[in-house]
């Protein structure tokens, strides 16, 4: 079983910055790809950014140039540095990982952390 603990959400003014963190813990052989998704009220959950274990990244067009995803494999932790925040970035942000456990490869989700950007 894998648990994901997110932190770093909050309220910020437009143009400000926040840094989200997500640490994986539990019983697993490896933490593979990690990523961040978000869900705004009344909308579907969408991809924000992903990063492979080797460090290859992928971003949604809406956050390119403003958000940076990174990870520390030794800590099984992924980060999301969010700069130049806009009101439309307001959402619950969820951490996701694919982990290899005795059950094979499975996806796991965090509980979510709220990000609110005021205009």
Protein backbone atom coordinates (compact mmCIF):
# COMPACT_ATOMS: atom_id res chain seq x y z
CA UNK A 1 0.00 0.00 0.00
CA UNK A 2 1.21 3.50 -0.88
CA UNK A 3 0.21 6.71 0.86
CA UNK A 4 0.72 10.16 -0.64
CA UNK A 5 0.89 13.19 1.66
CA UNK A 6 0.52 16.58 0.02
CA UNK A 7 1.35 19.95 1.52
CA UNK A 8 1.86 23.55 0.49
CA UNK A 9 -1.53 24.70 -0.71
CA UNK A 10 -3.10 27.95 0.37
CA UNK A 11 -4.43 31.34 -0.63
CA UNK A 12 -2.29 33.67 -2.72
CA UNK A 13 -2.82 36.81 -4.77
CA UNK A 14 -2.57 36.74 -8.54
CA UNK A 15 1.05 36.89 -9.60
CA UNK A 16 2.22 35.16 -6.47
CA UNK A 17 3.90 31.80 -5.96
CA UNK A 18 3.29 28.57 -4.10
CA UNK A 19 5.23 25.35 -3.79
CA UNK A 20 3.44 22.04 -3.40
CA UNK A 21 5.10 18.94 -2.01
CA UNK A 22 4.02 15.32 -2.07
CA UNK A 23 5.80 12.50 -0.25
CA UNK A 24 5.13 8.82 -0.88
CA UNK A 25 5.33 6.34 1.94
CA UNK A 26 4.31 2.76 2.61
CA UNK A 27 5.35 -0.59 1.19
CA UNK A 28 6.54 -0.62 -2.38
CA UNK A 29 9.44 -1.71 -4.59
CA UNK A 30 9.66 1.56 -6.51
CA UNK A 31 7.96 4.88 -7.12
CA UNK A 32 7.80 5.36 -10.85
CA UNK A 33 6.21 8.36 -12.61
CA UNK A 34 4.84 11.09 -10.35
CA UNK A 35 2.58 13.97 -11.21
CA UNK A 36 0.14 16.66 -10.27
CA UNK A 37 -3.44 16.98 -11.39
CA UNK A 38 -6.06 19.57 -10.48
CA UNK A 39 -9.80 19.85 -10.33
CA UNK A 40 -11.64 23.15 -10.28
CA UNK A 41 -15.26 23.39 -9.11
CA UNK A 42 -17.61 22.04 -11.75
CA UNK A 43 -14.79 20.82 -13.95
CA UNK A 44 -13.10 17.52 -14.64
CA UNK A 45 -9.75 16.63 -13.14
CA UNK A 46 -6.94 17.62 -15.50
CA UNK A 47 -3.25 16.96 -15.81
CA UNK A 48 -0.92 19.71 -14.64
CA UNK A 49 2.52 18.12 -14.89
CA UNK A 50 4.24 14.77 -14.72
CA UNK A 51 7.81 13.62 -14.21
CA UNK A 52 9.40 10.26 -14.78
CA UNK A 53 11.86 8.65 -12.43
CA UNK A 54 14.59 9.68 -14.87
CA UNK A 55 13.45 13.31 -14.79
CA UNK A 56 11.57 13.70 -18.06
CA UNK A 57 8.76 16.19 -17.66
CA UNK A 58 5.45 16.96 -19.30
CA UNK A 59 3.27 20.02 -18.71
CA UNK A 60 -0.21 21.17 -19.59
CA UNK A 61 -0.09 24.04 -22.05
CA UNK A 62 -1.84 26.30 -19.55
CA UNK A 63 1.03 26.09 -17.05
CA UNK A 64 4.08 25.92 -19.30
CA UNK A 65 6.62 28.56 -18.39
CA UNK A 66 4.97 29.21 -15.01
CA UNK A 67 5.06 25.86 -13.18
CA UNK A 68 8.04 23.58 -12.61
CA UNK A 69 7.80 19.96 -11.49
CA UNK A 70 10.75 18.26 -9.83
CA UNK A 71 11.44 15.25 -7.64
CA UNK A 72 13.93 13.78 -5.23
CA UNK A 73 13.97 10.02 -5.75
CA UNK A 74 15.80 9.32 -2.50
CA UNK A 75 12.92 10.96 -0.64
CA UNK A 76 10.13 9.64 -2.89
CA UNK A 77 8.97 13.23 -3.07
CA UNK A 78 7.66 15.36 -5.91
CA UNK A 79 7.36 19.13 -5.93
CA UNK A 80 5.41 21.64 -7.96
CA UNK A 81 6.74 25.19 -8.00
CA UNK A 82 3.95 27.48 -9.17
CA UNK A 83 4.86 31.03 -10.20
CA UNK A 84 2.84 33.84 -11.77
CA UNK A 85 -0.33 32.30 -10.44
CA UNK A 86 -3.63 33.26 -12.03
CA UNK A 87 -7.19 33.06 -10.66
CA UNK A 88 -7.86 30.27 -13.14
CA UNK A 89 -5.25 28.16 -11.34
CA UNK A 90 -7.64 27.91 -8.41
CA UNK A 91 -8.39 24.23 -7.82
CA UNK A 92 -7.76 21.25 -5.61
CA UNK A 93 -4.37 19.86 -6.58
CA UNK A 94 -3.86 16.11 -6.39
CA UNK A 95 -0.61 14.20 -6.30
CA UNK A 96 -0.43 10.99 -8.32
CA UNK A 97 2.11 8.24 -8.64
CA UNK A 98 2.51 4.90 -10.29
CA UNK A 99 4.17 2.55 -7.84
CA UNK A 100 5.41 -1.00 -8.11
CA UNK A 101 4.20 -3.10 -5.18
CA UNK A 102 3.75 -6.84 -4.64
CA UNK A 103 0.44 -6.37 -6.45
CA UNK A 104 2.21 -5.03 -9.54
CA UNK A 105 2.08 -1.52 -10.96
CA UNK A 106 -0.79 0.60 -9.67
CA UNK A 107 -1.83 4.24 -9.57
CA UNK A 108 -2.20 6.02 -6.25
CA UNK A 109 -3.71 9.41 -5.39
CA UNK A 110 -3.30 11.87 -2.57
CA UNK A 111 -6.18 13.51 -0.73
CA UNK A 112 -5.65 16.85 -2.46
CA UNK A 113 -4.57 20.29 -1.35
CA UNK A 114 -6.51 23.47 -2.06
CA UNK A 115 -4.93 26.29 -4.04
CA UNK A 116 -6.87 29.54 -4.24
CA UNK A 117 -5.68 32.53 -6.26
CA UNK A 118 -7.40 35.86 -5.71
CA UNK A 119 -7.55 38.56 -8.36
